[in-house]
Amino acid sequence: MTATHRPLRIALLSYRGDPFCGGQGVYVRHLSRELARLGHHVDVIGSQPYPVLDEVEGPGSVRLVELPSLDLYRSDDPFRTPAAGEFRGLVDVLEFATMRTGGFPEPLTFSLRARQYLARRKGRYDVVHDNQTLGYGLLGLERFGFPLVTTVHHPITVDRRLELEAATTRLERLGKRRWYAFTRMQKRVTRKLEHIITVSGTSKAEIAEHLGAAPGAVSVVPIGADTRLWSPSAEIPVVPGRIVTTSSADVPLKGLVYLVEALAKVRTEREAHLVVVGKPQREDGPVTEAVRRFGLEGHIEFRTGLTDAELVDLYRSAEVACVPSLYEGFSLPAAEAMATGTPLVATTGGAIPEVAGPDGETCLAVPPGDAGALAAALGRLLDDPVLRARLGAAGRDRVLANFTWQRAAELTADRYRAAIATGAGQRARSGPGWRYVA
């Protein structure tokens, strides 16, 4: 077997892997499975919440390697104080101290733990693939013989800007700046990397602009839907007036508050209801407040903990799917909804048009942050079954042609081989910028 085609041994790093609360876990789960189906051997190295991985039958393999943190943000006890016996070393002390002073430590502390793990396993892996940790600990891995490839889904500096714009008090703005202090580290690390993968052309441009990535260092590898699972089914009855969205409810970037307002407008002319995959994190948050203000308590349902099959069937049951985000680096929910043949209303925020396609051909597109435009597009689709059928079919064809996990895995493996061929896969540069500033 030639070096070009031999199976690779891959260390896939993800500091936060829960597939039910963010795109990182979804990415790790599906990419690792498809890499294994291609014959590669993948160790997913992650911290809490640990990734959920799929079993694979075939020549390749997927294995979870747990790299435990202090788990300071667990859902049942967020911002907890660990017992003294839980501290195993200086990295744990740093993690706790950063959390207690309002920062987010996980990208840095996971990278330091990952470095320690890899340093003890020289020769075990052909390539290390970092899933947007961008921590100082991952610099200099060439000393251990590991080429480094890094995925940056989109610059977190975009989230920071939108969160600061949504803050209403000086104290809240100070808190957001402190929380997002780790983005300074991510900028410094990104500038040193030579092999970066991102998911869209929009993200590629923003990684260069916001994070200072070197020219030519960033390659676009679109992700997408598991089209074996996300597919149409005539067996699932469509519920009249049902609109479905997936959203981290209180994150301003996701734009859910505009969809709530749009639903209120839609309901002035027809029956409609909204099912949100996700939940508000705060009882006094903007989404909950909007639901109350518009009197929509009986017309919006939040669902969590769905199985894959239940989630797919929920989208199949909708007359319309919606992505109301102000910005997305890709938009998995758009690709997955389209794969089921469910017609889509989506904003033009960030890279969403690269996924959803042209307005009127594969979706209805509206400006981000415009509740009136959202309402008009939703109403138009709810009232026109012929348009729904046409956009649904065209949307699925678009996903099958461009956005599948199998294609993403094939292109990602090509980037691995490119990094291996060029040596360590990153610059071994010294100088200022290595010291962590919390």
Protein backbone atom coordinates (compact mmCIF):
# COMPACT_ATOMS: atom_id res chain seq x y z
CA MET A 1 0.00 0.00 0.00
CA THR A 2 1.40 3.41 -0.95
CA ALA A 3 1.94 6.19 1.56
CA THR A 4 -0.75 8.16 -0.24
CA HIS A 5 -3.39 5.55 0.51
CA ARG A 6 -2.26 3.85 3.71
CA PRO A 7 -4.51 4.22 6.75
CA LEU A 8 -3.58 7.06 9.09
CA ARG A 9 -3.39 7.11 12.87
CA ILE A 10 -5.17 10.30 13.90
CA ALA A 11 -5.37 12.10 17.24
CA LEU A 12 -8.54 14.24 17.05
CA LEU A 13 -8.63 16.76 19.89
CA SER A 14 -11.81 18.39 21.19
CA TYR A 15 -11.88 20.24 24.50
CA ARG A 16 -15.70 20.20 24.60
CA GLY A 17 -17.54 17.40 22.86
CA ASP A 18 -21.22 17.30 23.86
CA PRO A 19 -23.15 16.80 20.58
CA PHE A 20 -26.30 18.30 22.12
CA CYS A 21 -24.95 21.76 22.98
CA GLY A 22 -22.85 23.06 20.15
CA GLY A 23 -21.29 22.23 16.81
CA GLN A 24 -17.95 20.93 18.11
CA GLY A 25 -19.41 17.66 19.36
CA VAL A 26 -21.37 17.15 16.16
CA TYR A 27 -18.22 17.73 14.10
CA VAL A 28 -16.11 15.27 16.10
CA ARG A 29 -18.75 12.57 16.11
CA HIS A 30 -19.48 12.56 12.39
CA LEU A 31 -15.98 13.27 11.11
CA SER A 32 -14.42 10.51 13.23
CA ARG A 33 -17.01 8.01 12.03
CA GLU A 34 -16.48 8.81 8.36
CA LEU A 35 -12.69 8.80 8.70
CA ALA A 36 -12.96 5.33 10.20
CA ARG A 37 -15.19 4.20 7.35
CA LEU A 38 -12.39 5.28 5.03
CA GLY A 39 -10.08 2.92 6.93
CA HIS A 40 -8.31 5.34 9.28
CA HIS A 41 -7.80 4.85 13.02
CA VAL A 42 -9.03 7.77 15.11
CA ASP A 43 -8.44 8.46 18.79
CA VAL A 44 -10.85 11.20 19.85
CA ILE A 45 -9.14 12.87 22.81
CA GLY A 46 -11.61 14.98 24.75
CA SER A 47 -12.68 16.47 28.04
CA GLN A 48 -16.05 16.84 29.70
CA PRO A 49 -18.67 16.89 28.37
CA TYR A 50 -17.23 13.90 26.55
CA PRO A 51 -18.06 13.29 22.88
CA VAL A 52 -20.66 10.72 21.88
CA LEU A 53 -19.07 8.56 19.19
CA ASP A 54 -20.53 6.05 16.75
CA GLU A 55 -19.48 2.45 16.46
CA VAL A 56 -17.93 1.64 13.12
CA GLU A 57 -17.79 -1.68 11.33
CA GLY A 58 -15.00 -1.94 8.81
CA PRO A 59 -11.28 -1.53 8.41
CA GLY A 60 -10.93 1.63 10.52
CA SER A 61 -11.66 2.38 14.15
CA VAL A 62 -12.82 5.11 16.53
CA ARG A 63 -11.82 5.22 20.19
CA LEU A 64 -12.54 7.77 22.92
CA VAL A 65 -9.61 8.82 25.09
CA GLU A 66 -10.85 10.69 28.15
CA LEU A 67 -8.67 13.59 29.23
CA PRO A 68 -10.54 14.79 32.31
CA SER A 69 -10.73 18.41 33.37
CA LEU A 70 -12.21 19.72 36.63
CA ASP A 71 -15.57 19.85 34.79
CA LEU A 72 -16.35 23.29 36.19
CA TYR A 73 -19.32 23.94 33.91
CA ARG A 74 -21.29 20.72 34.34
CA SER A 75 -24.99 21.31 33.77
CA ASP A 76 -26.07 20.19 37.24
CA ASP A 77 -23.43 22.25 39.10
CA PRO A 78 -22.02 25.10 36.97
CA PHE A 79 -19.11 27.18 38.32
CA ARG A 80 -18.62 24.62 41.06
CA THR A 81 -15.85 24.54 43.66
CA PRO A 82 -14.01 21.20 43.44
CA ALA A 83 -12.93 19.30 46.54
CA ALA A 84 -9.25 19.61 47.42
CA GLY A 85 -8.62 16.00 46.41
CA GLU A 86 -9.76 16.70 42.83
CA PHE A 87 -6.75 18.90 42.07
CA ARG A 88 -4.09 16.83 40.31
CA GLY A 89 -1.54 19.50 39.45
CA LEU A 90 -0.84 23.07 38.38
CA VAL A 91 -3.05 22.88 35.29
CA ASP A 92 -6.06 22.19 37.52
CA VAL A 93 -5.12 25.13 39.76
CA LEU A 94 -4.89 27.37 36.68
CA GLU A 95 -8.26 26.14 35.44
CA PHE A 96 -10.02 26.86 38.72
CA ALA A 97 -8.34 30.22 39.26
CA THR A 98 -9.25 31.42 35.75
CA MET A 99 -12.87 30.37 36.23
CA ARG A 100 -13.11 32.10 39.62
CA THR A 101 -11.82 35.34 38.12
CA GLY A 102 -14.44 35.32 35.36
CA GLY A 103 -12.41 33.83 32.51
CA PHE A 104 -13.00 30.73 30.39
CA PRO A 105 -10.02 28.42 30.93
CA GLU A 106 -10.86 25.31 28.91
CA PRO A 107 -9.08 26.05 25.60
CA LEU A 108 -5.81 26.75 27.40
CA THR A 109 -5.96 24.05 30.06
CA PHE A 110 -7.11 21.34 27.63
CA SER A 111 -4.25 22.22 25.29
CA LEU A 112 -1.77 21.85 28.14
CA ARG A 113 -3.19 18.45 29.12
CA ALA A 114 -3.22 17.34 25.48
CA ARG A 115 0.42 18.35 25.14
CA GLN A 116 1.34 16.27 28.19
CA TYR A 117 -0.58 13.29 26.79
CA LEU A 118 1.02 13.51 23.35
CA ALA A 119 4.53 14.04 24.71
CA ARG A 120 4.31 10.59 26.30
CA ARG A 121 3.17 8.98 23.05
CA LYS A 122 5.76 9.85 20.44
CA GLY A 123 5.28 7.81 17.28
CA ARG A 124 1.72 6.72 18.09
CA TYR A 125 0.00 9.14 15.71
CA ASP A 126 0.68 10.25 12.14
CA VAL A 127 -1.13 13.55 12.61
CA VAL A 128 -2.82 15.60 15.33
CA HIS A 129 -6.08 17.34 14.43
CA ASP A 130 -7.15 20.11 16.81
CA ASN A 131 -10.84 21.04 16.80
CA GLN A 132 -10.60 24.78 17.53
CA THR A 133 -8.84 24.59 20.86
CA LEU A 134 -6.15 26.97 19.61
CA GLY A 135 -4.33 26.77 22.92
CA TYR A 136 -0.68 27.50 23.63
CA GLY A 137 -0.04 23.88 24.60
CA LEU A 138 -0.44 22.78 20.98
CA LEU A 139 2.39 24.94 19.69
CA GLY A 140 5.67 23.15 19.06
CA LEU A 141 4.22 19.64 18.62
CA GLU A 142 6.82 19.08 15.88
CA ARG A 143 9.26 18.43 18.72
CA PHE A 144 7.36 15.21 19.37
CA GLY A 145 7.07 14.36 15.66
CA PHE A 146 3.41 15.35 15.25
CA PRO A 147 2.18 17.37 12.26
CA LEU A 148 -0.69 19.61 13.36
CA VAL A 149 -3.89 20.36 11.46
CA THR A 150 -6.39 22.70 13.10
CA THR A 151 -10.07 23.24 12.36
CA VAL A 152 -11.41 26.73 13.00
CA HIS A 153 -15.16 26.72 12.46
CA HIS A 154 -15.32 30.49 12.74
CA PRO A 155 -13.46 33.10 14.79
CA ILE A 156 -14.87 33.28 18.33
CA THR A 157 -14.10 36.99 18.11
CA VAL A 158 -17.38 37.24 16.17
CA ASP A 159 -19.28 35.78 19.14
CA ARG A 160 -17.46 38.21 21.41
CA ARG A 161 -18.49 41.21 19.34
CA LEU A 162 -22.15 40.18 19.21
CA GLU A 163 -22.23 39.42 22.94
CA LEU A 164 -20.76 42.83 23.74
CA GLU A 165 -23.27 44.54 21.46
CA ALA A 166 -26.11 42.74 23.27
CA ALA A 167 -24.83 43.65 26.76
CA THR A 168 -26.97 46.30 28.45
CA THR A 169 -24.78 47.42 31.36
CA ARG A 170 -21.15 48.38 31.87
CA LEU A 171 -20.72 45.53 34.37
CA GLU A 172 -22.12 43.03 31.88
CA ARG A 173 -19.73 44.28 29.19
CA LEU A 174 -16.78 43.95 31.58
CA GLY A 175 -17.85 40.38 32.35
CA LYS A 176 -18.07 39.50 28.65
CA ARG A 177 -14.62 40.93 27.96
CA ARG A 178 -13.17 38.87 30.78
CA TRP A 179 -14.95 35.67 29.64
CA TYR A 180 -13.65 36.08 26.09
CA ALA A 181 -10.08 36.89 27.14
CA PHE A 182 -8.99 33.53 25.70
CA THR A 183 -9.54 34.92 22.19
CA ARG A 184 -6.24 36.82 22.54
CA MET A 185 -4.50 33.47 22.92
CA GLN A 186 -6.37 32.05 19.94
CA LYS A 187 -5.24 34.95 17.76
CA ARG A 188 -1.60 34.40 18.73
CA VAL A 189 -1.77 30.67 18.11
CA THR A 190 -3.57 30.99 14.78
CA ARG A 191 -0.85 33.25 13.41
CA LYS A 192 1.70 30.44 13.91
CA LEU A 193 -0.27 27.69 12.14
CA GLU A 194 0.34 26.51 8.59
CA HIS A 195 -2.44 23.95 8.16
CA ILE A 196 -5.89 25.29 9.03
CA ILE A 197 -9.20 23.81 7.92
CA THR A 198 -12.41 25.81 7.96
CA VAL A 199 -15.91 25.07 6.80
CA SER A 200 -16.78 27.93 4.45
CA GLY A 201 -15.34 30.69 2.32
CA THR A 202 -16.84 33.26 4.67
CA SER A 203 -15.03 31.75 7.64
CA LYS A 204 -11.79 31.59 5.66
CA ALA A 205 -11.89 35.32 5.03
CA GLU A 206 -12.76 36.11 8.64
CA ILE A 207 -10.02 33.84 10.03
CA ALA A 208 -7.51 35.86 8.04
CA GLU A 209 -9.08 39.18 9.03
CA HIS A 210 -9.85 38.56 12.71
CA LEU A 211 -7.22 36.00 13.70
CA GLY A 212 -4.36 36.92 11.39
CA ALA A 213 -3.94 33.53 9.73
CA ALA A 214 -1.07 33.38 7.25
CA PRO A 215 -1.95 33.73 3.55
CA GLY A 216 -2.44 30.32 2.03
CA ALA A 217 -2.67 28.57 5.40
CA VAL A 218 -6.44 28.08 5.35
CA SER A 219 -8.27 25.44 3.29
CA VAL A 220 -12.06 25.16 2.99
CA VAL A 221 -13.55 21.74 3.72
CA PRO A 222 -17.36 21.98 3.87
CA ILE A 223 -19.15 19.75 6.35
CA GLY A 224 -22.77 18.71 6.16
CA ALA A 225 -25.41 16.18 7.00
CA ASP A 226 -25.39 12.45 7.60
CA THR A 227 -27.66 11.84 4.64
CA ARG A 228 -28.16 8.20 5.65
CA LEU A 229 -30.03 9.53 8.68
CA TRP A 230 -31.28 12.94 7.54
CA SER A 231 -33.61 12.00 4.71
CA PRO A 232 -37.26 12.46 3.71
CA SER A 233 -39.89 10.01 4.92
CA ALA A 234 -43.51 9.79 3.80
CA GLU A 235 -44.26 7.81 6.97
CA ILE A 236 -43.96 10.89 9.22
CA PRO A 237 -47.09 13.07 9.05
CA VAL A 238 -46.49 16.78 8.54
CA VAL A 239 -48.05 18.92 11.27
CA PRO A 240 -49.89 21.95 9.83
CA GLY A 241 -48.35 25.26 10.84
CA ARG A 242 -45.27 23.71 12.45
CA ILE A 243 -41.99 25.63 12.25
CA VAL A 244 -38.83 24.00 13.63
CA THR A 245 -35.48 25.55 14.55
CA THR A 246 -32.36 24.47 16.42
CA SER A 247 -30.98 27.20 18.62
CA SER A 248 -28.88 27.96 21.69
CA ALA A 249 -31.73 30.10 22.89
CA ASP A 250 -30.00 32.87 24.86
CA VAL A 251 -27.01 33.29 22.55
CA PRO A 252 -27.55 36.58 20.65
CA LEU A 253 -25.72 35.21 17.62
CA LYS A 254 -28.47 32.63 17.05
CA GLY A 255 -31.18 35.28 16.51
CA LEU A 256 -33.97 33.31 18.18
CA VAL A 257 -35.54 36.43 19.66
CA TYR A 258 -36.25 37.66 16.11
CA LEU A 259 -37.91 34.37 15.22
CA VAL A 260 -40.15 34.67 18.31
CA GLU A 261 -41.23 38.13 17.16
CA ALA A 262 -41.73 36.80 13.62
CA LEU A 263 -43.99 34.03 14.92
CA ALA A 264 -46.16 36.62 16.63
CA LYS A 265 -46.55 38.43 13.30
CA VAL A 266 -47.24 35.18 11.40
CA ARG A 267 -49.98 34.23 13.85
CA THR A 268 -51.95 37.41 13.14
CA GLU A 269 -52.97 35.88 9.79
CA ARG A 270 -52.81 32.09 10.24
CA GLU A 271 -52.29 29.30 12.74
CA ALA A 272 -48.64 28.48 13.40
CA HIS A 273 -46.45 27.21 16.20
CA LEU A 274 -42.72 26.91 16.80
CA VAL A 275 -40.70 23.98 18.13
CA VAL A 276 -37.20 24.94 19.31
CA VAL A 277 -34.56 22.25 19.72
CA GLY A 278 -32.82 23.79 22.72
CA LYS A 279 -33.91 25.71 25.77
CA PRO A 280 -33.53 29.16 27.32
CA GLN A 281 -30.73 29.18 29.84
CA ARG A 282 -32.20 32.05 31.85
CA GLU A 283 -35.74 32.62 33.07
CA ASP A 284 -35.17 36.36 32.66
CA GLY A 285 -33.34 36.05 29.34
CA PRO A 286 -34.32 37.86 26.15
CA VAL A 287 -36.02 34.86 24.55
CA THR A 288 -38.19 34.06 27.57
CA GLU A 289 -39.06 37.73 27.91
CA ALA A 290 -40.05 37.93 24.22
CA VAL A 291 -42.25 34.82 24.52
CA ARG A 292 -44.09 36.47 27.42
CA ARG A 293 -44.30 39.88 25.75
CA PHE A 294 -45.96 38.45 22.65
CA GLY A 295 -48.19 36.04 24.58
CA LEU A 296 -46.76 32.96 22.85
CA GLU A 297 -46.44 30.62 25.84
CA GLY A 298 -48.87 28.12 24.30
CA HIS A 299 -47.39 28.33 20.82
CA ILE A 300 -43.66 27.78 21.39
CA GLU A 301 -42.28 24.49 22.66
CA PHE A 302 -38.67 23.87 23.71
CA ARG A 303 -37.36 20.30 23.38
CA THR A 304 -34.08 18.84 24.59
CA GLY A 305 -32.58 15.39 25.00
CA LEU A 306 -33.89 14.09 21.67
CA THR A 307 -32.38 10.99 20.11
CA ASP A 308 -31.04 11.25 16.57
CA ALA A 309 -34.15 9.52 15.22
CA GLU A 310 -36.48 11.79 17.20
CA LEU A 311 -34.69 14.90 15.98
CA VAL A 312 -34.88 13.81 12.34
CA ASP A 313 -38.56 12.94 12.67
CA LEU A 314 -39.22 16.34 14.25
CA TYR A 315 -37.78 18.09 11.20
CA ARG A 316 -39.69 15.75 8.90
CA SER A 317 -42.91 16.73 10.69
CA ALA A 318 -42.43 20.46 10.08
CA GLU A 319 -43.93 22.45 7.26
CA VAL A 320 -40.99 24.86 7.49
CA ALA A 321 -37.50 24.83 9.03
CA CYS A 322 -35.85 28.09 10.01
CA VAL A 323 -32.30 29.31 10.67
CA PRO A 324 -32.66 32.84 12.13
CA SER A 325 -28.99 33.32 13.09
CA LEU A 326 -27.27 36.67 12.88
CA TYR A 327 -24.10 34.83 11.94
CA GLU A 328 -22.95 31.27 11.27
CA GLY A 329 -19.57 29.95 10.20
CA PHE A 330 -21.41 27.17 8.34
CA SER A 331 -24.85 26.08 9.69
CA LEU A 332 -25.30 22.39 10.25
CA PRO A 333 -29.01 22.87 11.08
CA ALA A 334 -29.56 24.31 7.60
CA ALA A 335 -27.85 21.37 5.90
CA GLU A 336 -29.66 18.80 8.05
CA ALA A 337 -33.07 20.38 7.54
CA MET A 338 -32.54 20.52 3.79
CA ALA A 339 -31.44 16.88 3.77
CA THR A 340 -34.87 15.85 5.09
CA GLY A 341 -36.56 17.71 2.25
CA THR A 342 -38.05 20.25 4.65
CA PRO A 343 -38.24 23.71 3.03
CA LEU A 344 -35.98 26.28 4.67
CA VAL A 345 -36.19 29.93 5.62
CA ALA A 346 -32.71 31.20 6.48
CA THR A 347 -30.97 34.49 7.04
CA THR A 348 -28.00 35.66 5.04
CA GLY A 349 -25.81 35.90 8.18
CA GLY A 350 -22.21 34.80 7.71
CA ALA A 351 -21.80 31.62 5.66
CA ILE A 352 -25.45 30.56 5.72
CA PRO A 353 -25.99 31.43 2.01
CA GLU A 354 -23.07 29.15 1.09
CA VAL A 355 -25.05 26.27 2.60
CA ALA A 356 -28.67 27.24 1.97
CA GLY A 357 -28.14 28.40 -1.59
CA PRO A 358 -29.90 31.05 -3.69
CA ASP A 359 -33.08 32.73 -2.53
CA GLY A 360 -36.11 31.27 -4.27
CA GLU A 361 -34.20 28.26 -5.61
CA THR A 362 -33.23 26.15 -2.60
CA CYS A 363 -34.52 28.32 0.26
CA LEU A 364 -36.12 31.65 1.10
CA ALA A 365 -33.39 34.03 2.28
CA VAL A 366 -33.90 37.07 4.50
CA PRO A 367 -31.60 39.65 6.12
CA PRO A 368 -30.37 38.79 9.63
CA GLY A 369 -32.08 40.55 12.53
CA ASP A 370 -35.22 41.41 10.52
CA ALA A 371 -38.30 39.92 12.21
CA GLY A 372 -40.62 41.37 9.56
CA ALA A 373 -38.74 39.72 6.71
CA LEU A 374 -38.67 36.42 8.64
CA ALA A 375 -42.43 36.62 9.17
CA ALA A 376 -43.11 37.35 5.50
CA ALA A 377 -40.99 34.40 4.32
CA LEU A 378 -42.46 32.00 6.87
CA GLY A 379 -46.00 33.06 5.96
CA ARG A 380 -45.27 32.68 2.27
CA LEU A 381 -44.09 29.09 2.71
CA LEU A 382 -46.87 28.12 5.12
CA ASP A 383 -49.43 29.32 2.57
CA ASP A 384 -47.93 27.68 -0.53
CA PRO A 385 -47.60 23.85 -0.57
CA VAL A 386 -46.27 23.86 -4.15
CA LEU A 387 -43.42 26.21 -3.19
CA ARG A 388 -42.69 24.10 -0.11
CA ALA A 389 -42.38 20.95 -2.21
CA ARG A 390 -40.14 22.61 -4.81
CA LEU A 391 -37.75 24.18 -2.30
CA GLY A 392 -37.65 21.03 -0.19
CA ALA A 393 -36.64 18.82 -3.12
CA ALA A 394 -34.08 21.33 -4.41
CA GLY A 395 -32.60 21.74 -0.94
CA ARG A 396 -32.02 18.01 -0.53
CA ASP A 397 -30.38 17.79 -3.96
CA ARG A 398 -28.03 20.62 -2.94
CA VAL A 399 -26.96 18.82 0.22
CA LEU A 400 -26.38 15.51 -1.57
CA ALA A 401 -24.18 17.24 -4.11
CA ASN A 402 -22.14 19.40 -1.76
CA PHE A 403 -22.52 18.76 1.96
CA THR A 404 -22.03 15.21 3.20
CA TRP A 405 -19.79 13.91 5.98
CA GLN A 406 -18.23 11.33 3.65
CA ARG A 407 -16.99 14.08 1.34
CA ALA A 408 -15.79 16.11 4.36
CA ALA A 409 -13.77 13.14 5.63
CA GLU A 410 -12.15 12.52 2.23
CA LEU A 411 -11.09 16.17 1.91
CA THR A 412 -9.90 16.29 5.53
CA ALA A 413 -7.70 13.23 4.97
CA ASP A 414 -6.18 15.05 2.01
CA ARG A 415 -5.26 17.94 4.33
CA TYR A 416 -3.68 15.47 6.79
CA ARG A 417 -1.45 14.08 4.07
CA ALA A 418 -0.48 17.59 2.99
CA ALA A 419 0.59 18.42 6.56
CA ILE A 420 2.52 15.16 6.87
CA ALA A 421 4.27 15.82 3.56
CA THR A 422 5.46 19.25 4.67
CA GLY A 423 6.96 18.04 7.93
CA ALA A 424 5.78 19.19 11.31
CA GLY A 425 2.78 21.05 9.96
CA GLN A 426 3.42 24.31 11.78
CA ARG A 427 6.12 26.88 12.17
CA ALA A 428 8.59 26.34 14.97
CA ARG A 429 8.89 29.99 15.79
CA SER A 430 10.03 31.51 19.04
CA GLY A 431 9.56 34.98 20.36
CA PRO A 432 6.86 36.93 22.20
CA GLY A 433 3.32 35.67 22.42
CA TRP A 434 3.90 32.33 24.11
CA ARG A 435 3.15 33.55 27.62
CA TYR A 436 -0.51 33.20 28.62
CA VAL A 437 -2.27 36.41 29.54
CA ALA A 438 -5.55 35.61 31.32
